[in-house]
Amino acid sequence: TLVDDALAGRFSPVALLAATIATLGAGIIRYDGLSEDFLTGFLLLQVANFTFAAGQVGYKHVMAHYTLSVPGYRTFGYFFFGALIIALPS
């Protein structure tokens, strides 16, 4: 919702509060002392969550502006192909 709000040029304090509580809750649940590995893993997970949300919201906005000549389900496999290209080197 935060990414969608940002793309639409609006701000929702309730959504920001919910995201903050969820992030703090995840930190509390997984807290095992403040080590460099903990902070790195926690921040990496938050970046992954943000990029996943941005991709889904971005897809929604792109599909709203550009219509395809084929149904969306016929091109959805390209997402998996793109993910494979990104994941294989790692």
N, C-alpha and C. Protein backbone atom coordinates (compact mmCIF):
# COMPACT_ATOMS: atom_id res chain seq x y z
N THR A 1 0.82 -1.18 0.00
CA THR A 1 0.00 0.00 0.00
C THR A 1 0.87 1.25 0.00
N LEU A 2 2.00 1.21 0.67
CA LEU A 2 2.87 2.38 0.69
C LEU A 2 3.42 2.69 -0.70
N VAL A 3 3.81 1.66 -1.43
CA VAL A 3 4.34 1.86 -2.78
C VAL A 3 3.23 2.37 -3.70
N ASP A 4 2.05 1.80 -3.59
CA ASP A 4 0.92 2.24 -4.41
C ASP A 4 0.56 3.68 -4.08
N ASP A 5 0.57 4.03 -2.80
CA ASP A 5 0.29 5.41 -2.41
C ASP A 5 1.35 6.36 -2.97
N ALA A 6 2.61 5.95 -2.93
CA ALA A 6 3.67 6.80 -3.45
C ALA A 6 3.52 7.02 -4.95
N LEU A 7 3.18 5.97 -5.69
CA LEU A 7 2.99 6.12 -7.14
C LEU A 7 1.77 6.97 -7.46
N ALA A 8 0.77 6.93 -6.61
CA ALA A 8 -0.45 7.70 -6.84
C ALA A 8 -0.35 9.12 -6.27
N GLY A 9 0.74 9.43 -5.58
CA GLY A 9 0.94 10.76 -5.03
C GLY A 9 0.09 11.06 -3.81
N ARG A 10 -0.19 10.04 -3.02
CA ARG A 10 -0.96 10.26 -1.80
C ARG A 10 -0.20 9.64 -0.62
N PHE A 11 -0.66 9.96 0.58
CA PHE A 11 0.00 9.47 1.79
C PHE A 11 -1.06 8.95 2.75
N SER A 12 -0.82 7.76 3.28
CA SER A 12 -1.74 7.16 4.23
C SER A 12 -0.99 6.88 5.53
N PRO A 13 -1.22 7.68 6.56
CA PRO A 13 -0.51 7.43 7.82
C PRO A 13 -0.86 6.08 8.45
N VAL A 14 -2.06 5.60 8.21
CA VAL A 14 -2.46 4.30 8.75
C VAL A 14 -1.62 3.19 8.12
N ALA A 15 -1.41 3.26 6.80
CA ALA A 15 -0.59 2.25 6.12
C ALA A 15 0.86 2.32 6.60
N LEU A 16 1.37 3.53 6.80
CA LEU A 16 2.73 3.68 7.30
C LEU A 16 2.86 3.11 8.70
N LEU A 17 1.87 3.36 9.54
CA LEU A 17 1.88 2.81 10.90
C LEU A 17 1.83 1.28 10.87
N ALA A 18 0.99 0.72 10.01
CA ALA A 18 0.89 -0.74 9.90
C ALA A 18 2.21 -1.34 9.44
N ALA A 19 2.86 -0.72 8.46
CA ALA A 19 4.14 -1.23 7.97
C ALA A 19 5.21 -1.12 9.05
N THR A 20 5.20 -0.04 9.80
CA THR A 20 6.17 0.14 10.88
C THR A 20 5.98 -0.91 11.97
N ILE A 21 4.73 -1.15 12.35
CA ILE A 21 4.45 -2.17 13.37
C ILE A 21 4.86 -3.55 12.89
N ALA A 22 4.58 -3.86 11.62
CA ALA A 22 4.96 -5.17 11.07
C ALA A 22 6.48 -5.33 11.05
N THR A 23 7.19 -4.28 10.67
CA THR A 23 8.65 -4.35 10.62
C THR A 23 9.23 -4.50 12.03
N LEU A 24 8.72 -3.73 12.96
CA LEU A 24 9.19 -3.85 14.35
C LEU A 24 8.85 -5.23 14.92
N GLY A 25 7.67 -5.73 14.61
CA GLY A 25 7.28 -7.06 15.07
C GLY A 25 8.20 -8.14 14.54
N ALA A 26 8.56 -8.02 13.26
CA ALA A 26 9.49 -9.00 12.68
C ALA A 26 10.85 -8.92 13.36
N GLY A 27 11.27 -7.71 13.67
CA GLY A 27 12.55 -7.55 14.37
C GLY A 27 12.52 -8.14 15.77
N ILE A 28 11.41 -7.96 16.47
CA ILE A 28 11.28 -8.50 17.83
C ILE A 28 11.23 -10.02 17.81
N ILE A 29 10.47 -10.58 16.88
CA ILE A 29 10.34 -12.04 16.80
C ILE A 29 11.69 -12.69 16.50
N ARG A 30 12.45 -12.12 15.60
CA ARG A 30 13.71 -12.72 15.18
C ARG A 30 14.92 -12.19 15.94
N TYR A 31 14.71 -11.36 16.94
CA TYR A 31 15.82 -10.73 17.65
C TYR A 31 16.66 -11.78 18.36
N ASP A 32 17.96 -11.71 18.10
CA ASP A 32 18.90 -12.65 18.72
C ASP A 32 20.19 -11.90 19.05
N GLY A 33 20.04 -10.74 19.61
CA GLY A 33 21.20 -9.91 19.87
C GLY A 33 21.56 -9.11 18.63
N LEU A 34 22.12 -7.94 18.86
CA LEU A 34 22.49 -7.09 17.73
C LEU A 34 23.88 -7.45 17.24
N SER A 35 23.93 -8.29 16.24
CA SER A 35 25.19 -8.61 15.60
C SER A 35 25.15 -8.07 14.18
N GLU A 36 26.29 -8.04 13.56
CA GLU A 36 26.35 -7.55 12.17
C GLU A 36 25.54 -8.46 11.25
N ASP A 37 25.60 -9.76 11.50
CA ASP A 37 24.84 -10.71 10.68
C ASP A 37 23.34 -10.51 10.83
N PHE A 38 22.88 -10.24 12.05
CA PHE A 38 21.46 -10.02 12.28
C PHE A 38 20.99 -8.79 11.51
N LEU A 39 21.72 -7.69 11.64
CA LEU A 39 21.31 -6.45 10.97
C LEU A 39 21.36 -6.61 9.45
N THR A 40 22.39 -7.26 8.95
CA THR A 40 22.49 -7.47 7.50
C THR A 40 21.33 -8.31 7.00
N GLY A 41 21.04 -9.40 7.67
CA GLY A 41 19.93 -10.26 7.26
C GLY A 41 18.59 -9.57 7.37
N PHE A 42 18.39 -8.83 8.44
CA PHE A 42 17.12 -8.13 8.65
C PHE A 42 16.91 -7.07 7.56
N LEU A 43 17.93 -6.28 7.29
CA LEU A 43 17.81 -5.25 6.26
C LEU A 43 17.65 -5.86 4.87
N LEU A 44 18.35 -6.95 4.60
CA LEU A 44 18.22 -7.62 3.31
C LEU A 44 16.80 -8.13 3.11
N LEU A 45 16.22 -8.68 4.15
CA LEU A 45 14.84 -9.16 4.07
C LEU A 45 13.86 -8.02 3.84
N GLN A 46 14.08 -6.88 4.49
CA GLN A 46 13.19 -5.74 4.30
C GLN A 46 13.31 -5.18 2.88
N VAL A 47 14.51 -5.15 2.34
CA VAL A 47 14.70 -4.70 0.95
C VAL A 47 14.02 -5.67 -0.01
N ALA A 48 14.13 -6.96 0.26
CA ALA A 48 13.47 -7.96 -0.59
C ALA A 48 11.95 -7.79 -0.55
N ASN A 49 11.40 -7.56 0.63
CA ASN A 49 9.96 -7.33 0.75
C ASN A 49 9.53 -6.09 -0.02
N PHE A 50 10.32 -5.02 0.09
CA PHE A 50 9.98 -3.78 -0.61
C PHE A 50 10.03 -3.98 -2.13
N THR A 51 11.07 -4.65 -2.62
CA THR A 51 11.18 -4.83 -4.07
C THR A 51 10.07 -5.73 -4.60
N PHE A 52 9.67 -6.73 -3.82
CA PHE A 52 8.56 -7.59 -4.23
C PHE A 52 7.28 -6.77 -4.34
N ALA A 53 7.01 -5.96 -3.33
CA ALA A 53 5.81 -5.12 -3.35
C ALA A 53 5.88 -4.12 -4.50
N ALA A 54 7.03 -3.52 -4.72
CA ALA A 54 7.18 -2.55 -5.80
C ALA A 54 6.94 -3.21 -7.16
N GLY A 55 7.41 -4.43 -7.32
CA GLY A 55 7.18 -5.14 -8.58
C GLY A 55 5.72 -5.43 -8.82
N GLN A 56 5.02 -5.86 -7.79
CA GLN A 56 3.59 -6.16 -7.95
C GLN A 56 2.78 -4.90 -8.23
N VAL A 57 3.05 -3.84 -7.49
CA VAL A 57 2.32 -2.59 -7.70
C VAL A 57 2.71 -1.98 -9.05
N GLY A 58 3.98 -2.06 -9.39
CA GLY A 58 4.42 -1.54 -10.68
C GLY A 58 3.76 -2.27 -11.84
N TYR A 59 3.64 -3.58 -11.72
CA TYR A 59 2.96 -4.36 -12.76
C TYR A 59 1.51 -3.91 -12.91
N LYS A 60 0.85 -3.69 -11.79
CA LYS A 60 -0.55 -3.24 -11.82
C LYS A 60 -0.67 -1.89 -12.54
N HIS A 61 0.24 -0.98 -12.24
CA HIS A 61 0.19 0.34 -12.87
C HIS A 61 0.55 0.29 -14.35
N VAL A 62 1.52 -0.52 -14.70
CA VAL A 62 1.90 -0.65 -16.12
C VAL A 62 0.76 -1.26 -16.91
N MET A 63 0.13 -2.30 -16.37
CA MET A 63 -0.98 -2.95 -17.08
C MET A 63 -2.20 -2.03 -17.19
N ALA A 64 -2.34 -1.10 -16.27
CA ALA A 64 -3.45 -0.15 -16.35
C ALA A 64 -3.23 0.87 -17.46
N HIS A 65 -1.96 1.15 -17.78
CA HIS A 65 -1.66 2.15 -18.80
C HIS A 65 -1.44 1.57 -20.19
N TYR A 66 -0.97 0.34 -20.27
CA TYR A 66 -0.66 -0.29 -21.56
C TYR A 66 -1.43 -1.59 -21.68
N THR A 67 -2.23 -1.68 -22.69
CA THR A 67 -2.99 -2.91 -22.90
C THR A 67 -2.20 -3.85 -23.79
N LEU A 68 -2.31 -5.14 -23.52
CA LEU A 68 -1.64 -6.15 -24.32
C LEU A 68 -2.60 -6.71 -25.35
N SER A 69 -2.03 -7.17 -26.45
CA SER A 69 -2.87 -7.79 -27.47
C SER A 69 -3.21 -9.23 -27.11
N VAL A 70 -2.50 -9.79 -26.13
CA VAL A 70 -2.77 -11.15 -25.65
C VAL A 70 -3.14 -11.05 -24.17
N PRO A 71 -3.85 -12.04 -23.64
CA PRO A 71 -4.19 -12.01 -22.21
C PRO A 71 -2.94 -12.04 -21.33
N GLY A 72 -3.04 -11.45 -20.15
CA GLY A 72 -1.91 -11.36 -19.25
C GLY A 72 -1.34 -12.70 -18.84
N TYR A 73 -2.19 -13.71 -18.71
CA TYR A 73 -1.70 -15.02 -18.28
C TYR A 73 -0.79 -15.66 -19.33
N ARG A 74 -0.86 -15.22 -20.57
CA ARG A 74 -0.01 -15.78 -21.63
C ARG A 74 1.42 -15.25 -21.55
N THR A 75 1.61 -14.14 -20.88
CA THR A 75 2.95 -13.55 -20.78
C THR A 75 3.54 -13.66 -19.37
N PHE A 76 2.81 -14.24 -18.44
CA PHE A 76 3.24 -14.27 -17.05
C PHE A 76 4.52 -15.09 -16.86
N GLY A 77 4.77 -16.04 -17.70
CA GLY A 77 5.98 -16.86 -17.60
C GLY A 77 7.26 -16.05 -17.72
N TYR A 78 7.19 -14.88 -18.36
CA TYR A 78 8.38 -14.04 -18.48
C TYR A 78 8.88 -13.57 -17.12
N PHE A 79 7.97 -13.43 -16.14
CA PHE A 79 8.40 -13.07 -14.80
C PHE A 79 9.31 -14.14 -14.21
N PHE A 80 8.94 -15.39 -14.41
CA PHE A 80 9.75 -16.49 -13.89
C PHE A 80 11.08 -16.59 -14.63
N PHE A 81 11.07 -16.32 -15.92
CA PHE A 81 12.30 -16.33 -16.70
C PHE A 81 13.23 -15.22 -16.22
N GLY A 82 12.69 -14.04 -15.97
CA GLY A 82 13.49 -12.93 -15.45
C GLY A 82 14.05 -13.24 -14.07
N ALA A 83 13.25 -13.85 -13.22
CA ALA A 83 13.72 -14.23 -11.88
C ALA A 83 14.83 -15.27 -11.98
N LEU A 84 14.71 -16.19 -12.92
CA LEU A 84 15.74 -17.20 -13.11
C LEU A 84 17.05 -16.56 -13.54
N ILE A 85 16.98 -15.60 -14.43
CA ILE A 85 18.19 -14.91 -14.89
C ILE A 85 18.87 -14.18 -13.73
N ILE A 86 18.08 -13.59 -12.84
CA ILE A 86 18.64 -12.88 -11.69
C ILE A 86 19.19 -13.86 -10.66
N ALA A 87 18.50 -14.98 -10.44
CA ALA A 87 18.87 -15.90 -9.37
C ALA A 87 20.04 -16.81 -9.73
N LEU A 88 20.19 -17.16 -10.98
CA LEU A 88 21.25 -18.10 -11.36
C LEU A 88 22.66 -17.63 -11.00
N PRO A 89 23.03 -16.39 -11.25
CA PRO A 89 24.40 -15.97 -10.89
C PRO A 89 24.68 -16.02 -9.39
N SER A 90 23.65 -15.90 -8.58
CA SER A 90 23.91 -15.90 -7.14
C SER A 90 24.01 -17.31 -6.64
